[in-house]
Amino acid sequence: MGNLKNFKFNKLDAFLSSYQYYDYYLNMNGNAIPYSGAVSGDCFVVQYDFNNPNVYSTGTTSADTISSLQTWTGATNTGYTFNTFGLTGIDNGYITFNKTTGDTSNIALLNTLTGTTTTILSGDKRLKLNRVTGMTETYEYPIDILSGSTGSYAKLCGGFYQGYYKLDGYNYQVLPDRVEKGWTSEFWIRKSDLNCSGYTGTTLNDTYPDNKGFFFYMGTRAENKFWNIFEGLNTGCTSGCTSSSACTGTVTTYCTIPKETDIAISGDSGYPVRLSPPPLDITVIDNQFLMYGRAGGNECGTCGATKGGLGTLTTCDTGKTVTITGYTQEVVNNQNPFLIYGRAGNDGSCGTCGASGSGFGDKTVCAFTGFTSDLKELDKNIDIIDNALGFRVKDDGSIGYRALQMTGTCVNEVYTTGVTINEGYSVSGMVSDDKWHKVSVRFSLDENIPTNKLKCAPLRIGRLMFYVDGRLKFVVDDFKEFVSKRLNEYKDKQLGVPFNISLGGGSQGLLETMTFDGRDPGDLGLDIEKNFAGTFIGDISEFKFYICDLDWVDINNGFNIDKSRYTS
């Protein structure tokens, strides 16, 4: 009958513990699952290695701009020249500006904001990251390129890199918006506070110590700086920012004669776009009835002028279309002071205005929809909800993520009541001080969707996994897919702001922003600044990004290949 006790011992006895810390693969023949090779080909889209001179813009170790050694096969770039990049590019150092001594009217600032031309050469499909700097001279962003036993690496003591991979509304995109199966990012980093002890000056971490340790960030780098109306802190300045007592003091350091409300830009659409809200609803209609504005005599006057005794309707349009502009409206009061009621059914439901017939009553309010007013500012939180995700190593060596999500309700998709932080971290000690580690962040989707169906597909749920030196250390279940989005703004006013990534830090937000007539106090202390203005302190040697879900075998194999370079 055989021995029921299997020769008095168990042939199989296994114990599993800390299920979130390890991956196990079982194979029928007892051999290890082979390396899949997924880390090459179409999956591998971004590579930065500071030991490779081709990373640097000049072919040397001048690291103000670094370029990916790898490109995405789906990238597109037909080449562009932009004349509005200065409006936003000045805020993170993409467009440089130095205040000129004696320039009391800040002509140089005005020219930087309005006269900067940026050209993107056709066919260049590399992701480019730029060294972040500031305009206020309040913060330091040190980066040094050093050499050691591992080769060249970037020493980060408050500095980081940032760049955009897509320009909304233009044929420029070097990374995909969404992926079919997941994504993986990998970093060789060395956490070290001692290496930066000799630096002086204030960094973002000094102001926001709870943001220290961000080594990677995805999403919009800032809120929309044109969310409100800003006419300057000293609107009495008319001829030179230091010419009168009303225009002296530190608040007028960047005073300009034109205000933000005086400026309009001409985009691809051909009509002027105002820089500050209230935003305009702009409609171009066929002028089928040949309706024109009034003009004085036989001359066309300036719009809004009273030429020839006539009023503000002067347009003298002789074309076939008419451009109609009007302020966006918002409901400010739903109360009906006149007790005007529409007719409704006996069940209380609203019928069609003016409808008649059996079953309609006369006591249910239906017709009145509320008083409206010109919209004076945009909801700045709309642009950042589910559009800011950062990864971080804390001082205790724990590793994890931080994201911004919405609180309250969303009304007609244009209003929010607040923003909340969603974050999670491993136990401490996952990343050691003064030691090179390979950190891999992997997002594995529960549902795969073909590329041609991704545009309209709902957001999916997956698992966010953190590996250190090829070992799984932390898992976040039921993690919502991250898809970066554009700002709720004209495309000419948001160039380079959404669709960003940061390497070695989070994002400044609008901490260093500059606009016409100085800095808008309403732009300071917003949610991206408060929650992501922080940097990794230490060294970074390599960064790779894959638009596929690398399994543990690929991640572990990559670590084993690389580790000899980082063994000291």
Protein backbone atom coordinates (compact mmCIF):
# COMPACT_ATOMS: atom_id res chain seq x y z
CA MET A 1 0.00 0.00 0.00
CA GLY A 2 3.00 2.27 0.24
CA ASN A 3 4.14 4.52 2.99
CA LEU A 4 1.48 7.13 3.72
CA LYS A 5 4.09 9.37 5.34
CA ASN A 6 6.22 9.74 2.21
CA PHE A 7 9.25 7.96 3.66
CA LYS A 8 8.67 9.62 7.04
CA PHE A 9 9.39 13.18 5.80
CA ASN A 10 7.69 15.71 3.56
CA LYS A 11 9.09 16.03 0.06
CA LEU A 12 7.86 19.62 -0.26
CA ASP A 13 7.91 22.19 2.46
CA ALA A 14 7.91 25.93 1.61
CA PHE A 15 7.49 29.04 3.68
CA LEU A 16 6.67 32.46 2.24
CA SER A 17 6.89 35.67 4.20
CA SER A 18 6.71 39.39 3.47
CA TYR A 19 4.73 38.80 0.28
CA GLN A 20 5.26 42.38 -0.87
CA TYR A 21 9.04 42.08 -0.79
CA TYR A 22 9.73 39.22 -3.20
CA ASP A 23 8.68 37.84 -6.58
CA TYR A 24 8.62 34.07 -7.10
CA TYR A 25 8.57 32.30 -10.46
CA LEU A 26 8.00 28.52 -10.58
CA ASN A 27 8.98 26.50 -13.64
CA MET A 28 8.16 22.86 -14.35
CA ASN A 29 11.76 21.84 -15.16
CA GLY A 30 13.27 23.62 -12.19
CA ASN A 31 15.26 26.05 -14.34
CA ALA A 32 15.14 29.80 -14.02
CA ILE A 33 12.81 31.62 -16.40
CA PRO A 34 15.03 32.96 -19.21
CA TYR A 35 15.73 36.63 -19.78
CA SER A 36 13.05 37.94 -22.17
CA GLY A 37 15.05 40.68 -23.88
CA ALA A 38 12.20 43.19 -23.41
CA VAL A 39 14.63 45.84 -22.25
CA SER A 40 15.56 46.56 -25.85
CA GLY A 41 13.64 47.33 -29.02
CA ASP A 42 10.43 49.39 -29.07
CA CYS A 43 10.01 49.08 -25.30
CA PHE A 44 13.20 50.98 -24.43
CA VAL A 45 12.52 54.71 -25.05
CA VAL A 46 14.70 56.84 -22.73
CA GLN A 47 18.30 56.47 -21.60
CA TYR A 48 20.56 58.87 -19.74
CA ASP A 49 24.04 57.80 -18.73
CA PHE A 50 26.18 60.62 -17.38
CA ASN A 51 29.26 58.61 -18.26
CA ASN A 52 28.41 58.83 -21.97
CA PRO A 53 29.53 62.14 -23.56
CA ASN A 54 26.72 61.94 -26.13
CA VAL A 55 24.29 62.81 -23.34
CA TYR A 56 25.61 66.38 -23.10
CA SER A 57 24.56 69.08 -25.52
CA THR A 58 28.15 70.06 -26.37
CA GLY A 59 29.66 66.58 -26.35
CA THR A 60 31.49 67.44 -23.12
CA THR A 61 30.39 67.42 -19.51
CA SER A 62 28.66 70.81 -19.74
CA ALA A 63 25.35 69.61 -18.38
CA ASP A 64 22.94 72.53 -18.75
CA THR A 65 21.03 70.45 -21.32
CA ILE A 66 21.12 66.66 -21.54
CA SER A 67 19.62 64.50 -24.30
CA SER A 68 18.39 60.93 -24.25
CA LEU A 69 20.57 58.31 -25.91
CA GLN A 70 17.45 56.36 -26.84
CA THR A 71 14.34 57.45 -28.77
CA TRP A 72 10.75 56.24 -29.06
CA THR A 73 9.90 54.74 -32.44
CA GLY A 74 6.55 56.57 -32.44
CA ALA A 75 8.08 60.01 -31.84
CA THR A 76 7.16 62.86 -34.18
CA ASN A 77 8.63 66.33 -34.69
CA THR A 78 8.04 68.43 -37.78
CA GLY A 79 9.97 71.41 -36.42
CA TYR A 80 8.65 74.68 -34.99
CA THR A 81 9.59 78.25 -34.18
CA PHE A 82 7.66 79.70 -31.23
CA ASN A 83 7.44 83.35 -30.25
CA THR A 84 5.46 82.84 -27.02
CA PHE A 85 7.77 80.41 -25.17
CA GLY A 86 9.08 83.28 -23.03
CA LEU A 87 5.70 83.61 -21.31
CA THR A 88 6.22 80.33 -19.43
CA GLY A 89 9.80 79.25 -20.17
CA ILE A 90 11.21 82.01 -17.99
CA ASP A 91 9.80 80.38 -14.82
CA ASN A 92 12.10 77.34 -14.57
CA GLY A 93 15.16 78.64 -16.41
CA TYR A 94 14.35 77.17 -19.82
CA ILE A 95 14.50 80.79 -21.03
CA THR A 96 17.23 82.71 -19.23
CA PHE A 97 16.96 86.29 -18.03
CA ASN A 98 19.37 88.46 -16.06
CA LYS A 99 18.22 91.76 -14.65
CA THR A 100 20.22 94.68 -16.02
CA THR A 101 21.48 97.34 -13.63
CA GLY A 102 19.85 100.68 -14.35
CA ASP A 103 17.02 99.18 -16.37
CA THR A 104 14.32 100.84 -14.26
CA SER A 105 11.55 100.06 -16.72
CA ASN A 106 12.67 96.43 -17.04
CA ILE A 107 12.76 96.48 -20.82
CA ALA A 108 14.92 93.34 -20.77
CA LEU A 109 12.26 91.47 -18.79
CA LEU A 110 9.56 92.65 -21.17
CA ASN A 111 11.59 91.53 -24.17
CA THR A 112 12.24 88.13 -22.58
CA LEU A 113 8.54 87.56 -21.91
CA THR A 114 7.33 88.74 -25.30
CA GLY A 115 10.31 88.68 -27.65
CA THR A 116 11.90 85.28 -27.04
CA THR A 117 11.97 82.99 -30.06
CA THR A 118 12.51 79.27 -29.51
CA THR A 119 13.20 76.88 -32.38
CA ILE A 120 12.80 73.11 -32.36
CA LEU A 121 14.67 71.52 -35.23
CA SER A 122 12.67 69.12 -37.36
CA GLY A 123 13.45 65.44 -36.89
CA ASP A 124 15.14 65.69 -33.48
CA LYS A 125 13.19 63.09 -31.49
CA ARG A 126 15.36 62.92 -28.36
CA LEU A 127 13.88 63.77 -24.98
CA LYS A 128 15.78 66.82 -23.71
CA LEU A 129 16.07 67.84 -20.08
CA ASN A 130 17.29 71.25 -18.93
CA ARG A 131 18.94 72.28 -15.74
CA VAL A 132 16.40 74.09 -13.54
CA THR A 133 17.33 77.56 -12.30
CA GLY A 134 15.51 80.45 -10.65
CA MET A 135 14.98 84.13 -11.28
CA THR A 136 14.48 85.45 -7.77
CA GLU A 137 18.03 84.64 -6.59
CA THR A 138 16.44 83.18 -3.47
CA TYR A 139 17.33 79.53 -4.14
CA GLU A 140 20.41 77.63 -5.26
CA TYR A 141 20.27 74.67 -7.67
CA PRO A 142 23.78 73.14 -7.60
CA ILE A 143 24.72 70.33 -10.02
CA ASP A 144 28.27 69.12 -10.56
CA ILE A 145 29.42 66.48 -13.04
CA LEU A 146 32.10 64.40 -11.31
CA SER A 147 34.11 61.29 -12.10
CA GLY A 148 34.79 58.30 -9.89
CA SER A 149 35.16 54.54 -9.99
CA THR A 150 31.71 54.34 -11.60
CA GLY A 151 32.61 56.84 -14.31
CA SER A 152 30.98 60.26 -14.60
CA TYR A 153 27.86 61.03 -12.58
CA ALA A 154 25.77 64.04 -11.56
CA LYS A 155 26.20 65.28 -8.02
CA LEU A 156 22.89 66.85 -6.96
CA CYS A 157 22.90 69.24 -4.02
CA GLY A 158 19.60 71.00 -4.69
CA GLY A 159 19.61 71.02 -8.48
CA PHE A 160 17.64 68.86 -10.89
CA TYR A 161 16.65 68.51 -14.54
CA GLN A 162 13.28 69.10 -16.16
CA GLY A 163 11.84 68.84 -19.67
CA TYR A 164 8.68 68.37 -21.72
CA TYR A 165 7.96 65.45 -24.03
CA LYS A 166 4.88 66.84 -25.78
CA LEU A 167 3.53 70.23 -26.94
CA ASP A 168 -0.25 70.17 -26.99
CA GLY A 169 -1.74 71.24 -30.30
CA TYR A 170 1.52 70.80 -32.20
CA ASN A 171 3.09 67.89 -34.03
CA TYR A 172 5.76 67.42 -31.39
CA GLN A 173 5.77 64.36 -29.11
CA VAL A 174 8.73 62.19 -28.11
CA LEU A 175 7.02 59.94 -25.53
CA PRO A 176 3.54 58.37 -25.59
CA ASP A 177 0.64 59.66 -23.48
CA ARG A 178 -0.46 56.14 -22.52
CA VAL A 179 0.97 52.65 -22.86
CA GLU A 180 -0.63 49.31 -23.64
CA LYS A 181 0.75 47.15 -20.87
CA GLY A 182 2.53 49.29 -18.29
CA TRP A 183 5.84 51.07 -17.82
CA THR A 184 9.09 50.77 -15.88
CA SER A 185 11.66 53.39 -14.85
CA GLU A 186 15.12 52.61 -13.50
CA PHE A 187 17.69 54.75 -11.70
CA TRP A 188 21.20 54.28 -10.35
CA ILE A 189 21.36 56.63 -7.34
CA ARG A 190 23.48 57.18 -4.26
CA LYS A 191 21.80 58.94 -1.36
CA SER A 192 24.32 61.13 0.48
CA ASP A 193 23.80 64.24 2.57
CA LEU A 194 27.48 64.45 3.59
CA ASN A 195 28.63 65.12 0.02
CA CYS A 196 26.69 68.40 0.01
CA SER A 197 27.79 69.68 3.42
CA GLY A 198 30.14 72.22 1.86
CA TYR A 199 27.42 74.03 -0.10
CA THR A 200 25.91 77.29 1.12
CA GLY A 201 22.71 78.98 0.13
CA THR A 202 19.05 78.06 0.38
CA THR A 203 17.61 75.11 -1.54
CA LEU A 204 14.03 74.02 -2.08
CA ASN A 205 14.50 71.43 0.67
CA ASP A 206 15.24 74.16 3.20
CA THR A 207 11.86 75.78 2.56
CA TYR A 208 9.98 72.51 2.14
CA PRO A 209 11.79 69.83 4.21
CA ASP A 210 8.85 67.42 3.85
CA ASN A 211 9.50 67.38 0.08
CA LYS A 212 13.12 66.32 0.31
CA GLY A 213 14.11 63.19 -1.60
CA PHE A 214 12.13 63.46 -4.84
CA PHE A 215 14.19 61.78 -7.55
CA PHE A 216 11.56 61.59 -10.32
CA TYR A 217 8.37 63.47 -11.22
CA MET A 218 5.75 63.25 -13.99
CA GLY A 219 2.90 65.57 -14.97
CA THR A 220 2.48 69.32 -15.26
CA ARG A 221 5.41 71.27 -13.82
CA ALA A 222 3.14 74.06 -12.59
CA GLU A 223 -0.34 75.43 -12.43
CA ASN A 224 -1.52 77.85 -15.13
CA LYS A 225 0.20 81.15 -14.26
CA PHE A 226 -2.54 83.06 -16.11
CA TRP A 227 -5.34 81.71 -13.91
CA ASN A 228 -6.13 85.15 -12.47
CA ILE A 229 -6.02 88.83 -13.36
CA PHE A 230 -2.77 90.50 -12.33
CA GLU A 231 -2.14 94.19 -13.04
CA GLY A 232 0.98 94.60 -10.94
CA LEU A 233 1.70 95.56 -7.39
CA ASN A 234 2.24 99.23 -8.29
CA THR A 235 -0.20 100.27 -10.99
CA GLY A 236 0.64 103.96 -10.42
CA CYS A 237 3.96 103.59 -12.28
CA THR A 238 3.68 105.34 -15.62
CA SER A 239 7.21 106.28 -16.63
CA GLY A 240 10.03 104.33 -15.05
CA CYS A 241 9.74 102.08 -12.06
CA THR A 242 11.78 104.29 -9.74
CA SER A 243 10.61 107.72 -10.86
CA SER A 244 8.14 108.34 -8.07
CA SER A 245 7.68 107.49 -4.42
CA ALA A 246 4.77 105.25 -5.33
CA CYS A 247 7.12 103.06 -7.35
CA THR A 248 10.03 102.51 -4.97
CA GLY A 249 10.90 99.61 -2.76
CA THR A 250 11.66 95.95 -3.26
CA VAL A 251 8.18 95.15 -4.60
CA THR A 252 8.93 97.16 -7.74
CA THR A 253 12.13 95.28 -8.60
CA TYR A 254 10.52 93.85 -11.75
CA CYS A 255 7.95 96.57 -12.48
CA THR A 256 7.14 97.07 -16.18
CA ILE A 257 5.10 99.73 -17.93
CA PRO A 258 2.65 97.37 -19.69
CA LYS A 259 0.57 95.23 -17.38
CA GLU A 260 -0.49 91.67 -17.99
CA THR A 261 -3.96 92.91 -18.94
CA ASP A 262 -2.43 95.14 -21.64
CA ILE A 263 -0.87 92.23 -23.52
CA ALA A 264 -2.46 90.09 -26.21
CA ILE A 265 -0.78 87.48 -28.38
CA SER A 266 -1.60 86.31 -31.85
CA GLY A 267 -1.60 82.53 -32.08
CA ASP A 268 -2.13 80.17 -34.98
CA SER A 269 -5.82 81.02 -35.00
CA GLY A 270 -5.06 84.56 -36.14
CA TYR A 271 -7.12 86.40 -33.53
CA PRO A 272 -5.64 88.11 -30.44
CA VAL A 273 -5.59 86.11 -27.22
CA ARG A 274 -5.48 87.92 -23.90
CA LEU A 275 -2.90 86.80 -21.38
CA SER A 276 -5.03 87.00 -18.27
CA PRO A 277 -8.63 85.98 -17.49
CA PRO A 278 -11.47 86.47 -17.82
CA PRO A 279 -11.06 84.03 -20.69
CA LEU A 280 -12.83 84.77 -23.92
CA ASP A 281 -15.31 82.56 -25.72
CA ILE A 282 -14.25 83.10 -29.33
CA THR A 283 -16.48 82.04 -32.21
CA VAL A 284 -15.84 82.60 -35.90
CA ILE A 285 -19.09 82.57 -37.90
CA ASP A 286 -19.98 83.04 -41.54
CA ASN A 287 -21.15 86.59 -42.18
CA GLN A 288 -24.13 85.46 -44.22
CA PHE A 289 -26.13 88.63 -43.67
CA LEU A 290 -23.31 91.10 -44.45
CA MET A 291 -23.71 92.70 -41.04
CA TYR A 292 -20.98 95.21 -40.26
CA GLY A 293 -20.10 97.64 -37.52
CA ARG A 294 -20.70 101.35 -37.88
CA ALA A 295 -17.97 103.66 -39.13
CA GLY A 296 -17.56 107.42 -39.12
CA GLY A 297 -18.09 108.95 -42.57
CA ASN A 298 -16.39 106.71 -45.09
CA GLU A 299 -13.55 105.77 -42.72
CA CYS A 300 -13.07 102.80 -40.47
CA GLY A 301 -12.32 103.80 -36.90
CA THR A 302 -10.47 101.89 -34.22
CA CYS A 303 -12.57 99.34 -32.37
CA GLY A 304 -14.03 101.01 -29.34
CA ALA A 305 -13.34 104.54 -30.60
CA THR A 306 -15.98 107.26 -31.04
CA LYS A 307 -14.77 108.41 -34.46
CA GLY A 308 -17.35 110.44 -36.35
CA GLY A 309 -19.63 110.56 -33.33
CA LEU A 310 -20.35 106.85 -33.51
CA GLY A 311 -19.94 104.37 -30.71
CA THR A 312 -18.14 101.14 -29.96
CA LEU A 313 -19.55 99.05 -32.81
CA THR A 314 -16.95 100.19 -35.32
CA THR A 315 -15.48 97.20 -37.17
CA CYS A 316 -15.83 97.88 -40.92
CA ASP A 317 -15.75 94.13 -41.62
CA THR A 318 -15.78 93.48 -45.35
CA GLY A 319 -14.96 89.78 -45.28
CA LYS A 320 -17.12 86.70 -45.26
CA THR A 321 -16.69 85.86 -41.60
CA VAL A 322 -17.19 87.67 -38.32
CA THR A 323 -15.26 86.94 -35.10
CA ILE A 324 -17.50 87.25 -32.06
CA THR A 325 -15.88 87.48 -28.64
CA GLY A 326 -17.47 87.43 -25.23
CA TYR A 327 -16.50 86.76 -21.66
CA THR A 328 -17.11 83.29 -20.27
CA GLN A 329 -20.03 83.37 -17.85
CA GLU A 330 -20.51 81.68 -14.49
CA VAL A 331 -23.66 81.30 -12.38
CA VAL A 332 -23.34 83.45 -9.26
CA ASN A 333 -26.84 83.20 -7.75
CA ASN A 334 -29.55 80.61 -8.32
CA GLN A 335 -32.19 82.44 -6.27
CA ASN A 336 -35.22 83.64 -8.29
CA PRO A 337 -36.28 87.02 -6.80
CA PHE A 338 -39.23 87.46 -9.17
CA LEU A 339 -40.99 84.18 -8.35
CA ILE A 340 -41.16 83.33 -12.02
CA TYR A 341 -42.10 79.71 -12.50
CA GLY A 342 -42.08 77.44 -15.47
CA ARG A 343 -44.77 74.81 -15.93
CA ALA A 344 -44.02 71.34 -14.68
CA GLY A 345 -45.66 67.95 -14.61
CA ASN A 346 -47.56 66.71 -11.58
CA ASP A 347 -44.60 64.55 -10.69
CA GLY A 348 -42.47 67.64 -10.29
CA SER A 349 -40.42 67.16 -13.46
CA CYS A 350 -39.74 70.18 -15.62
CA GLY A 351 -41.50 70.26 -18.96
CA THR A 352 -40.65 72.25 -22.08
CA CYS A 353 -40.92 76.01 -21.67
CA GLY A 354 -44.37 77.15 -22.82
CA ALA A 355 -45.69 73.62 -23.03
CA SER A 356 -49.34 73.05 -22.35
CA GLY A 357 -51.57 70.06 -21.87
CA SER A 358 -52.99 67.88 -19.19
CA GLY A 359 -50.93 66.99 -16.21
CA PHE A 360 -49.00 70.26 -15.98
CA GLY A 361 -49.05 72.35 -12.86
CA ASP A 362 -47.98 75.91 -12.17
CA LYS A 363 -46.01 75.82 -8.92
CA THR A 364 -42.64 74.25 -9.82
CA VAL A 365 -39.67 76.43 -10.71
CA CYS A 366 -38.26 75.37 -14.07
CA ALA A 367 -37.44 78.35 -16.27
CA PHE A 368 -35.05 80.41 -14.11
CA THR A 369 -31.44 79.20 -14.35
CA GLY A 370 -29.72 81.80 -12.19
CA PHE A 371 -27.91 85.10 -12.45
CA THR A 372 -24.62 85.03 -14.32
CA SER A 373 -21.50 87.15 -14.19
CA ASP A 374 -18.25 87.41 -16.15
CA LEU A 375 -15.80 84.73 -15.02
CA LYS A 376 -12.91 86.59 -13.38
CA GLU A 377 -10.49 83.71 -12.90
CA LEU A 378 -9.91 80.09 -13.81
CA ASP A 379 -9.94 77.19 -11.38
CA LYS A 380 -6.20 76.60 -11.00
CA ASN A 381 -6.73 73.17 -9.41
CA ILE A 382 -8.37 71.67 -12.50
CA ASP A 383 -4.98 71.40 -14.20
CA ILE A 384 -3.15 69.56 -11.41
CA ILE A 385 -5.65 66.94 -10.24
CA ASP A 386 -4.35 63.50 -11.25
CA ASN A 387 -1.63 65.39 -13.14
CA ALA A 388 1.22 65.34 -10.61
CA LEU A 389 3.05 62.17 -9.54
CA GLY A 390 6.43 62.00 -7.83
CA PHE A 391 8.72 59.28 -6.45
CA ARG A 392 10.79 59.83 -3.37
CA VAL A 393 13.44 58.41 -1.02
CA LYS A 394 12.99 59.77 2.49
CA ASP A 395 15.77 60.43 5.00
CA ASP A 396 15.05 57.13 6.78
CA GLY A 397 15.65 55.18 3.56
CA SER A 398 12.00 54.39 2.88
CA ILE A 399 10.82 54.66 -0.72
CA GLY A 400 7.43 55.54 -2.17
CA TYR A 401 5.25 57.98 -4.08
CA ARG A 402 3.14 61.14 -3.76
CA ALA A 403 0.24 62.21 -6.01
CA LEU A 404 -2.39 64.96 -6.04
CA GLN A 405 -6.06 64.01 -6.20
CA MET A 406 -9.37 65.84 -5.98
CA THR A 407 -11.49 66.36 -2.90
CA GLY A 408 -15.13 67.41 -3.01
CA THR A 409 -17.11 67.31 -6.22
CA CYS A 410 -16.61 68.26 -9.84
CA VAL A 411 -19.32 70.44 -11.39
CA ASN A 412 -19.50 70.32 -15.20
CA GLU A 413 -15.83 69.30 -15.13
CA VAL A 414 -14.70 72.87 -14.49
CA TYR A 415 -14.73 73.30 -10.72
CA THR A 416 -13.17 71.60 -7.72
CA THR A 417 -13.49 72.16 -4.01
CA GLY A 418 -9.97 71.15 -3.12
CA VAL A 419 -6.91 69.01 -3.66
CA THR A 420 -5.57 66.31 -1.38
CA ILE A 421 -2.29 64.40 -1.14
CA ASN A 422 -2.24 60.65 -1.76
CA GLU A 423 1.06 58.99 -0.82
CA GLY A 424 2.56 55.76 0.46
CA TYR A 425 6.00 54.54 1.55
CA SER A 426 7.79 51.33 2.40
CA VAL A 427 9.38 50.57 5.74
CA SER A 428 12.64 52.38 6.48
CA GLY A 429 16.06 51.18 5.41
CA MET A 430 15.26 50.15 1.84
CA VAL A 431 17.87 52.60 0.48
CA SER A 432 21.15 52.95 2.39
CA ASP A 433 23.22 56.11 2.73
CA ASP A 434 26.43 56.55 0.72
CA LYS A 435 25.89 53.40 -1.33
CA TRP A 436 24.96 52.98 -4.99
CA HIS A 437 21.53 51.36 -5.47
CA LYS A 438 19.52 50.52 -8.54
CA VAL A 439 15.92 51.65 -7.96
CA SER A 440 13.25 50.36 -10.34
CA VAL A 441 9.67 51.64 -10.35
CA ARG A 442 7.28 49.35 -12.21
CA PHE A 443 3.60 49.93 -13.05
CA SER A 444 1.80 46.77 -14.11
CA LEU A 445 -1.70 47.12 -15.56
CA ASP A 446 -4.53 44.71 -14.88
CA GLU A 447 -5.93 45.30 -18.38
CA ASN A 448 -4.04 45.60 -21.64
CA ILE A 449 -5.56 47.86 -24.31
CA PRO A 450 -4.23 48.15 -27.89
CA THR A 451 -2.64 51.48 -28.80
CA ASN A 452 -5.34 52.35 -31.35
CA LYS A 453 -8.01 52.18 -28.61
CA LEU A 454 -6.16 53.95 -25.79
CA LYS A 455 -7.27 57.48 -26.66
CA CYS A 456 -10.87 56.92 -25.61
CA ALA A 457 -10.36 54.15 -23.04
CA PRO A 458 -11.12 54.84 -19.36
CA LEU A 459 -8.30 54.92 -16.83
CA ARG A 460 -7.20 51.48 -15.69
CA ILE A 461 -6.10 50.06 -12.35
CA GLY A 462 -2.78 48.33 -11.74
CA ARG A 463 0.02 47.70 -9.25
CA LEU A 464 2.85 50.11 -8.51
CA MET A 465 5.99 48.22 -7.46
CA PHE A 466 9.33 49.46 -6.14
CA TYR A 467 12.48 47.36 -6.51
CA VAL A 468 15.88 48.03 -4.93
CA ASP A 469 18.86 46.15 -6.37
CA GLY A 470 16.58 43.77 -8.24
CA ARG A 471 14.46 42.89 -5.17
CA LEU A 472 10.82 43.84 -4.72
CA LYS A 473 10.55 46.06 -1.64
CA PHE A 474 7.18 47.85 -1.77
CA VAL A 475 3.86 47.31 -3.56
CA VAL A 476 0.87 49.64 -3.96
CA ASP A 477 -2.23 47.70 -5.01
CA ASP A 478 -5.16 49.24 -6.93
CA PHE A 479 -3.07 52.13 -8.20
CA LYS A 480 -4.85 54.27 -10.79
CA GLU A 481 -3.19 54.68 -14.17
CA PHE A 482 -1.36 58.00 -14.51
CA VAL A 483 -2.03 59.91 -17.74
CA SER A 484 -0.57 63.41 -18.01
CA LYS A 485 -2.92 66.04 -19.48
CA ARG A 486 -2.89 69.52 -20.99
CA LEU A 487 -3.83 72.71 -19.16
CA ASN A 488 -7.26 74.30 -19.48
CA GLU A 489 -5.75 77.16 -21.45
CA TYR A 490 -4.89 78.32 -24.97
CA LYS A 491 -2.01 76.28 -26.38
CA ASP A 492 0.16 79.37 -26.96
CA LYS A 493 0.03 80.19 -23.23
CA GLN A 494 1.04 76.76 -21.89
CA LEU A 495 4.10 75.85 -23.97
CA GLY A 496 6.39 73.51 -22.05
CA VAL A 497 4.27 73.45 -18.88
CA PRO A 498 2.27 70.19 -19.11
CA PHE A 499 3.68 66.79 -20.18
CA ASN A 500 6.84 67.23 -18.12
CA ILE A 501 9.23 64.94 -16.31
CA SER A 502 11.86 65.86 -13.71
CA LEU A 503 15.03 63.91 -12.96
CA GLY A 504 16.62 64.42 -9.56
CA GLY A 505 13.78 66.50 -8.17
CA GLY A 506 10.07 67.25 -8.08
CA SER A 507 8.93 70.61 -9.43
CA GLN A 508 9.07 74.26 -8.42
CA GLY A 509 5.50 74.98 -9.40
CA LEU A 510 5.24 78.77 -9.72
CA LEU A 511 7.75 79.50 -6.96
CA GLU A 512 10.10 81.33 -9.35
CA THR A 513 7.46 82.61 -11.76
CA MET A 514 7.74 86.03 -13.37
CA THR A 515 5.15 87.99 -15.29
CA PHE A 516 4.53 91.54 -16.39
CA ASP A 517 5.02 94.07 -13.61
CA GLY A 518 6.70 91.63 -11.27
CA ARG A 519 5.64 88.52 -9.41
CA ASP A 520 1.98 87.75 -8.82
CA PRO A 521 1.50 86.90 -5.11
CA GLY A 522 -1.47 84.75 -6.13
CA ASP A 523 0.93 82.37 -7.91
CA LEU A 524 2.92 81.59 -4.76
CA GLY A 525 2.26 78.81 -2.28
CA LEU A 526 0.07 76.74 -4.61
CA ASP A 527 -0.29 72.98 -4.37
CA ILE A 528 2.48 71.81 -6.70
CA GLU A 529 4.97 74.10 -5.00
CA LYS A 530 3.87 73.03 -1.51
CA ASN A 531 3.93 69.30 -2.24
CA PHE A 532 6.67 68.78 -4.86
CA ALA A 533 9.21 71.61 -4.43
CA GLY A 534 12.02 69.35 -3.23
CA THR A 535 15.06 67.51 -4.59
CA PHE A 536 17.14 64.39 -4.19
CA ILE A 537 20.41 64.96 -2.34
CA GLY A 538 23.15 62.69 -3.60
CA ASP A 539 24.37 61.29 -6.90
CA ILE A 540 22.69 59.92 -10.01
CA SER A 541 24.47 58.05 -12.75
CA GLU A 542 21.83 56.49 -15.01
CA PHE A 543 18.13 56.77 -15.83
CA LYS A 544 16.16 54.48 -18.16
CA PHE A 545 12.49 54.40 -19.07
CA TYR A 546 10.54 51.55 -20.70
CA ILE A 547 7.00 51.67 -22.05
CA CYS A 548 6.38 48.06 -21.07
CA ASP A 549 5.91 46.17 -17.84
CA LEU A 550 9.30 44.57 -17.22
CA ASP A 551 8.98 41.42 -15.14
CA TRP A 552 11.24 40.53 -12.24
CA VAL A 553 13.57 38.46 -14.41
CA ASP A 554 14.33 41.46 -16.65
CA ILE A 555 14.75 43.79 -13.68
CA ASN A 556 17.01 41.39 -11.79
CA ASN A 557 19.03 40.53 -14.88
CA GLY A 558 19.60 44.21 -15.60
CA PHE A 559 20.85 44.75 -12.06
CA ASN A 560 23.25 41.82 -12.31
CA ILE A 561 24.67 43.17 -15.58
CA ASP A 562 25.17 46.69 -14.19
CA LYS A 563 26.33 46.01 -10.64
CA SER A 564 30.00 45.39 -11.44
CA ARG A 565 30.29 49.04 -12.47
CA TYR A 566 29.01 50.18 -9.06
CA THR A 567 30.90 47.78 -6.80
CA SER A 568 33.47 49.79 -4.90
